[in-house]
Amino acid sequence: MAQEMILRAQTIDELRQAQAVVLPLAYGLSLEQTARVIGQSVGWTCRLRNRFLAGETVGDGQRQRPGGRRRQNLSIEREAEVLAPFLERARDGGILVVPQIKAELEAALSRRMALSSVYNLLHRHGWRKLAPDKRHPQSDPVAQEAWKKNSLKHSPESSSKSRRRVRSS
């Protein structure tokens, strides 16, 4: 069976899996030697052999590939549905307020969710912050300048020489 698989292998992964089975049986190679010949680690070579013995062929679609959305809270369509009113307002020049979106998502899920999950969701749907705020909306430039003028750094009395006290004996 494995020798037939070597002949009809379509991909390099299928060929390596067949070789992981055939080389130790036909040529008496150890697992380490087989791994070196097929260019894989010992652990992966062992896994390829065990999958073959279990009736699995690498790349046949029986196993899920790594990655993906296996732990999704909502489907992509449902996420888009919940976000639609917020993104429409943002496109029309409104501000996207993340805590409001978080509250709406929590209501849709009937449970709490992390703020980072909301930002990940927004990123997934193509939202990004276009420009950072250059200043705080409640800042007072006059008060800031007054503070700079009166700070110790700019004050003539704050020099290191005037801070030293001369001890009298």
C-alpha atoms as a PDB file:
ATOM      1  CA  MET A   1       0.000   0.000   0.000  1.00  0.00           C
ATOM      2  CA  ALA A   2       2.725   2.518   0.958  1.00  0.00           C
ATOM      3  CA  GLN A   3       4.825   1.529  -2.089  1.00  0.00           C
ATOM      4  CA  GLU A   4       1.811   2.209  -4.301  1.00  0.00           C
ATOM      5  CA  MET A   5       1.471   5.570  -2.593  1.00  0.00           C
ATOM      6  CA  ILE A   6       5.060   6.433  -3.557  1.00  0.00           C
ATOM      7  CA  LEU A   7       4.198   5.797  -7.220  1.00  0.00           C
ATOM      8  CA  ARG A   8       0.945   7.792  -7.212  1.00  0.00           C
ATOM      9  CA  ALA A   9       1.992  10.636  -4.883  1.00  0.00           C
ATOM     10  CA  GLN A  10       0.812  13.997  -6.195  1.00  0.00           C
ATOM     11  CA  THR A  11       2.501  16.217  -3.624  1.00  0.00           C
ATOM     12  CA  ILE A  12       5.790  16.205  -1.763  1.00  0.00           C
ATOM     13  CA  ASP A  13       3.895  15.694   1.506  1.00  0.00           C
ATOM     14  CA  GLU A  14       2.275  12.492   0.201  1.00  0.00           C
ATOM     15  CA  LEU A  15       5.652  11.244  -1.011  1.00  0.00           C
ATOM     16  CA  ARG A  16       7.305  11.949   2.333  1.00  0.00           C
ATOM     17  CA  GLN A  17       4.513  10.176   4.192  1.00  0.00           C
ATOM     18  CA  ALA A  18       4.905   7.066   2.021  1.00  0.00           C
ATOM     19  CA  GLN A  19       8.684   7.184   2.427  1.00  0.00           C
ATOM     20  CA  ALA A  20       8.304   7.464   6.209  1.00  0.00           C
ATOM     21  CA  VAL A  21       6.558   4.086   6.110  1.00  0.00           C
ATOM     22  CA  VAL A  22       8.508   2.299   3.354  1.00  0.00           C
ATOM     23  CA  LEU A  23      12.113   3.205   4.207  1.00  0.00           C
ATOM     24  CA  PRO A  24      12.167   1.591   7.687  1.00  0.00           C
ATOM     25  CA  LEU A  25      10.357  -1.525   6.446  1.00  0.00           C
ATOM     26  CA  ALA A  26      12.145  -2.071   3.123  1.00  0.00           C
ATOM     27  CA  TYR A  27      15.624  -0.850   4.027  1.00  0.00           C
ATOM     28  CA  GLY A  28      15.728  -1.239   7.808  1.00  0.00           C
ATOM     29  CA  LEU A  29      16.370   2.452   8.490  1.00  0.00           C
ATOM     30  CA  SER A  30      15.825   3.795  11.973  1.00  0.00           C
ATOM     31  CA  LEU A  31      13.356   6.607  12.607  1.00  0.00           C
ATOM     32  CA  GLU A  32      16.227   9.092  12.881  1.00  0.00           C
ATOM     33  CA  GLN A  33      17.754   7.944   9.585  1.00  0.00           C
ATOM     34  CA  THR A  34      14.379   8.041   7.853  1.00  0.00           C
ATOM     35  CA  ALA A  35      13.802  11.563   9.125  1.00  0.00           C
ATOM     36  CA  ARG A  36      17.161  12.658   7.756  1.00  0.00           C
ATOM     37  CA  VAL A  37      16.446  11.077   4.343  1.00  0.00           C
ATOM     38  CA  ILE A  38      13.007  12.686   3.919  1.00  0.00           C
ATOM     39  CA  GLY A  39      14.162  16.013   5.361  1.00  0.00           C
ATOM     40  CA  GLN A  40      11.816  16.151   8.330  1.00  0.00           C
ATOM     41  CA  SER A  41      12.230  16.089  12.086  1.00  0.00           C
ATOM     42  CA  VAL A  42      12.018  12.800  13.943  1.00  0.00           C
ATOM     43  CA  GLY A  43       8.752  13.842  15.586  1.00  0.00           C
ATOM     44  CA  TRP A  44       7.143  14.808  12.291  1.00  0.00           C
ATOM     45  CA  THR A  45       8.342  11.591  10.638  1.00  0.00           C
ATOM     46  CA  CYS A  46       6.782   9.574  13.435  1.00  0.00           C
ATOM     47  CA  ARG A  47       3.552  11.559  13.057  1.00  0.00           C
ATOM     48  CA  LEU A  48       3.494  10.878   9.291  1.00  0.00           C
ATOM     49  CA  ARG A  49       3.884   7.136   9.905  1.00  0.00           C
ATOM     50  CA  ASN A  50       1.183   7.068  12.561  1.00  0.00           C
ATOM     51  CA  ARG A  51      -1.232   8.950  10.313  1.00  0.00           C
ATOM     52  CA  PHE A  52      -0.600   6.461   7.516  1.00  0.00           C
ATOM     53  CA  LEU A  53      -1.235   3.551   9.869  1.00  0.00           C
ATOM     54  CA  ALA A  54      -4.483   5.243  10.983  1.00  0.00           C
ATOM     55  CA  GLY A  55      -5.596   5.441   7.340  1.00  0.00           C
ATOM     56  CA  GLU A  56      -5.007   9.170   6.845  1.00  0.00           C
ATOM     57  CA  THR A  57      -3.223  10.619   3.870  1.00  0.00           C
ATOM     58  CA  VAL A  58      -1.499  13.952   4.344  1.00  0.00           C
ATOM     59  CA  GLY A  59      -3.393  16.686   2.517  1.00  0.00           C
ATOM     60  CA  ASP A  60      -6.595  14.697   1.972  1.00  0.00           C
ATOM     61  CA  GLY A  61      -8.655  17.233   3.934  1.00  0.00           C
ATOM     62  CA  GLN A  62      -9.522  14.943   6.844  1.00  0.00           C
ATOM     63  CA  ARG A  63      -7.715  17.191   9.324  1.00  0.00           C
ATOM     64  CA  GLN A  64      -8.264  20.864   9.853  1.00  0.00           C
ATOM     65  CA  ARG A  65      -5.326  23.024   8.980  1.00  0.00           C
ATOM     66  CA  PRO A  66      -3.845  25.229  11.696  1.00  0.00           C
ATOM     67  CA  GLY A  67      -5.282  28.706  12.085  1.00  0.00           C
ATOM     68  CA  GLY A  68      -8.739  29.921  11.310  1.00  0.00           C
ATOM     69  CA  ARG A  69     -11.639  31.021  13.461  1.00  0.00           C
ATOM     70  CA  ARG A  70     -12.281  27.971  15.600  1.00  0.00           C
ATOM     71  CA  ARG A  71     -13.169  30.042  18.668  1.00  0.00           C
ATOM     72  CA  GLN A  72     -15.196  32.785  17.029  1.00  0.00           C
ATOM     73  CA  ASN A  73     -17.798  34.631  19.052  1.00  0.00           C
ATOM     74  CA  LEU A  74     -19.971  35.602  16.090  1.00  0.00           C
ATOM     75  CA  SER A  75     -19.883  34.705  12.415  1.00  0.00           C
ATOM     76  CA  ILE A  76     -18.316  37.240  10.066  1.00  0.00           C
ATOM     77  CA  GLU A  77     -21.773  38.078   8.703  1.00  0.00           C
ATOM     78  CA  ARG A  78     -23.230  38.653  12.183  1.00  0.00           C
ATOM     79  CA  GLU A  79     -20.225  40.805  13.140  1.00  0.00           C
ATOM     80  CA  ALA A  80     -20.776  42.935  10.030  1.00  0.00           C
ATOM     81  CA  GLU A  81     -24.468  43.218  10.880  1.00  0.00           C
ATOM     82  CA  VAL A  82     -23.747  44.484  14.413  1.00  0.00           C
ATOM     83  CA  LEU A  83     -21.029  46.881  13.208  1.00  0.00           C
ATOM     84  CA  ALA A  84     -22.961  48.269  10.218  1.00  0.00           C
ATOM     85  CA  PRO A  85     -24.640  51.249  11.965  1.00  0.00           C
ATOM     86  CA  PHE A  86     -21.395  52.308  13.642  1.00  0.00           C
ATOM     87  CA  LEU A  87     -19.318  52.051  10.489  1.00  0.00           C
ATOM     88  CA  GLU A  88     -21.954  53.975   8.484  1.00  0.00           C
ATOM     89  CA  ARG A  89     -21.787  56.845  10.966  1.00  0.00           C
ATOM     90  CA  ALA A  90     -17.983  56.781  10.816  1.00  0.00           C
ATOM     91  CA  ARG A  91     -18.015  56.899   7.001  1.00  0.00           C
ATOM     92  CA  ASP A  92     -20.286  59.943   7.130  1.00  0.00           C
ATOM     93  CA  GLY A  93     -17.717  61.817   9.209  1.00  0.00           C
ATOM     94  CA  GLY A  94     -18.838  60.649  12.630  1.00  0.00           C
ATOM     95  CA  ILE A  95     -16.588  59.284  15.308  1.00  0.00           C
ATOM     96  CA  LEU A  96     -16.317  55.582  15.982  1.00  0.00           C
ATOM     97  CA  VAL A  97     -16.695  55.179  19.760  1.00  0.00           C
ATOM     98  CA  VAL A  98     -15.300  51.808  20.752  1.00  0.00           C
ATOM     99  CA  PRO A  99     -16.998  51.525  24.204  1.00  0.00           C
ATOM    100  CA  GLN A 100     -20.395  51.921  22.506  1.00  0.00           C
ATOM    101  CA  ILE A 101     -19.525  49.173  20.041  1.00  0.00           C
ATOM    102  CA  LYS A 102     -18.318  46.998  22.916  1.00  0.00           C
ATOM    103  CA  ALA A 103     -21.644  47.435  24.723  1.00  0.00           C
ATOM    104  CA  GLU A 104     -23.579  46.512  21.567  1.00  0.00           C
ATOM    105  CA  LEU A 105     -21.433  43.424  20.988  1.00  0.00           C
ATOM    106  CA  GLU A 106     -21.826  42.336  24.614  1.00  0.00           C
ATOM    107  CA  ALA A 107     -25.603  42.657  24.232  1.00  0.00           C
ATOM    108  CA  ALA A 108     -25.483  40.532  21.061  1.00  0.00           C
ATOM    109  CA  LEU A 109     -23.330  37.897  22.794  1.00  0.00           C
ATOM    110  CA  SER A 110     -25.132  38.053  26.158  1.00  0.00           C
ATOM    111  CA  ARG A 111     -21.785  38.099  27.915  1.00  0.00           C
ATOM    112  CA  ARG A 112     -18.802  40.369  28.522  1.00  0.00           C
ATOM    113  CA  MET A 113     -15.902  40.633  26.135  1.00  0.00           C
ATOM    114  CA  ALA A 114     -12.437  42.148  26.275  1.00  0.00           C
ATOM    115  CA  LEU A 115     -11.748  45.522  24.728  1.00  0.00           C
ATOM    116  CA  SER A 116      -8.913  43.974  22.710  1.00  0.00           C
ATOM    117  CA  SER A 117     -11.455  41.627  21.105  1.00  0.00           C
ATOM    118  CA  VAL A 118     -13.454  44.649  19.952  1.00  0.00           C
ATOM    119  CA  TYR A 119     -10.359  46.205  18.396  1.00  0.00           C
ATOM    120  CA  ASN A 120      -9.500  42.886  16.706  1.00  0.00           C
ATOM    121  CA  LEU A 121     -13.045  42.703  15.333  1.00  0.00           C
ATOM    122  CA  LEU A 122     -12.821  46.261  13.994  1.00  0.00           C
ATOM    123  CA  HIS A 123      -9.469  45.473  12.381  1.00  0.00           C
ATOM    124  CA  ARG A 124     -10.962  42.341  10.800  1.00  0.00           C
ATOM    125  CA  HIS A 125     -13.663  44.482   9.180  1.00  0.00           C
ATOM    126  CA  GLY A 126     -11.218  46.989   7.732  1.00  0.00           C
ATOM    127  CA  TRP A 127     -11.556  49.779  10.276  1.00  0.00           C
ATOM    128  CA  ARG A 128      -8.470  51.658  11.324  1.00  0.00           C
ATOM    129  CA  LYS A 129      -7.733  54.891  13.090  1.00  0.00           C
ATOM    130  CA  LEU A 130      -6.884  57.353  10.358  1.00  0.00           C
ATOM    131  CA  ALA A 131      -5.097  60.053  12.326  1.00  0.00           C
ATOM    132  CA  PRO A 132      -3.999  60.295  15.930  1.00  0.00           C
ATOM    133  CA  ASP A 133      -5.169  63.200  18.041  1.00  0.00           C
ATOM    134  CA  LYS A 134      -2.522  65.895  18.090  1.00  0.00           C
ATOM    135  CA  ARG A 135      -3.672  67.285  21.414  1.00  0.00           C
ATOM    136  CA  HIS A 136      -6.149  66.531  24.149  1.00  0.00           C
ATOM    137  CA  PRO A 137      -9.510  68.208  23.498  1.00  0.00           C
ATOM    138  CA  GLN A 138      -9.556  69.744  26.980  1.00  0.00           C
ATOM    139  CA  SER A 139      -5.981  71.018  26.931  1.00  0.00           C
ATOM    140  CA  ASP A 140      -5.314  74.695  27.596  1.00  0.00           C
ATOM    141  CA  PRO A 141      -2.323  76.062  25.634  1.00  0.00           C
ATOM    142  CA  VAL A 142      -2.210  79.277  27.701  1.00  0.00           C
ATOM    143  CA  ALA A 143      -1.963  77.356  30.967  1.00  0.00           C
ATOM    144  CA  GLN A 144       0.729  75.114  29.459  1.00  0.00           C
ATOM    145  CA  GLU A 145       2.835  78.113  28.432  1.00  0.00           C
ATOM    146  CA  ALA A 146       2.408  79.692  31.868  1.00  0.00           C
ATOM    147  CA  TRP A 147       3.546  76.446  33.444  1.00  0.00           C
ATOM    148  CA  LYS A 148       6.613  76.324  31.195  1.00  0.00           C
ATOM    149  CA  LYS A 149       7.559  79.908  32.061  1.00  0.00           C
ATOM    150  CA  ASN A 150       7.228  79.295  35.791  1.00  0.00           C
ATOM    151  CA  SER A 151       8.816  75.855  35.945  1.00  0.00           C
ATOM    152  CA  LEU A 152      12.017  75.349  37.918  1.00  0.00           C
ATOM    153  CA  LYS A 153      13.977  74.461  34.808  1.00  0.00           C
ATOM    154  CA  HIS A 154      13.609  77.950  33.344  1.00  0.00           C
ATOM    155  CA  SER A 155      13.726  79.847  36.595  1.00  0.00           C
ATOM    156  CA  PRO A 156      17.025  81.662  37.286  1.00  0.00           C
ATOM    157  CA  GLU A 157      16.783  80.689  40.928  1.00  0.00           C
ATOM    158  CA  SER A 158      16.828  77.006  40.055  1.00  0.00           C
ATOM    159  CA  SER A 159      20.428  76.845  38.969  1.00  0.00           C
ATOM    160  CA  SER A 160      22.563  74.255  40.698  1.00  0.00           C
ATOM    161  CA  LYS A 161      24.813  76.917  42.233  1.00  0.00           C
ATOM    162  CA  SER A 162      21.995  78.663  44.021  1.00  0.00           C
ATOM    163  CA  ARG A 163      20.741  75.377  45.431  1.00  0.00           C
ATOM    164  CA  ARG A 164      23.947  74.634  47.211  1.00  0.00           C
ATOM    165  CA  ARG A 165      24.087  75.923  50.720  1.00  0.00           C
ATOM    166  CA  VAL A 166      27.303  77.138  52.102  1.00  0.00           C
ATOM    167  CA  ARG A 167      27.994  75.715  55.510  1.00  0.00           C
ATOM    168  CA  SER A 168      29.494  78.029  58.000  1.00  0.00           C
ATOM    169  CA  SER A 169      31.818  76.532  60.524  1.00  0.00           C
END
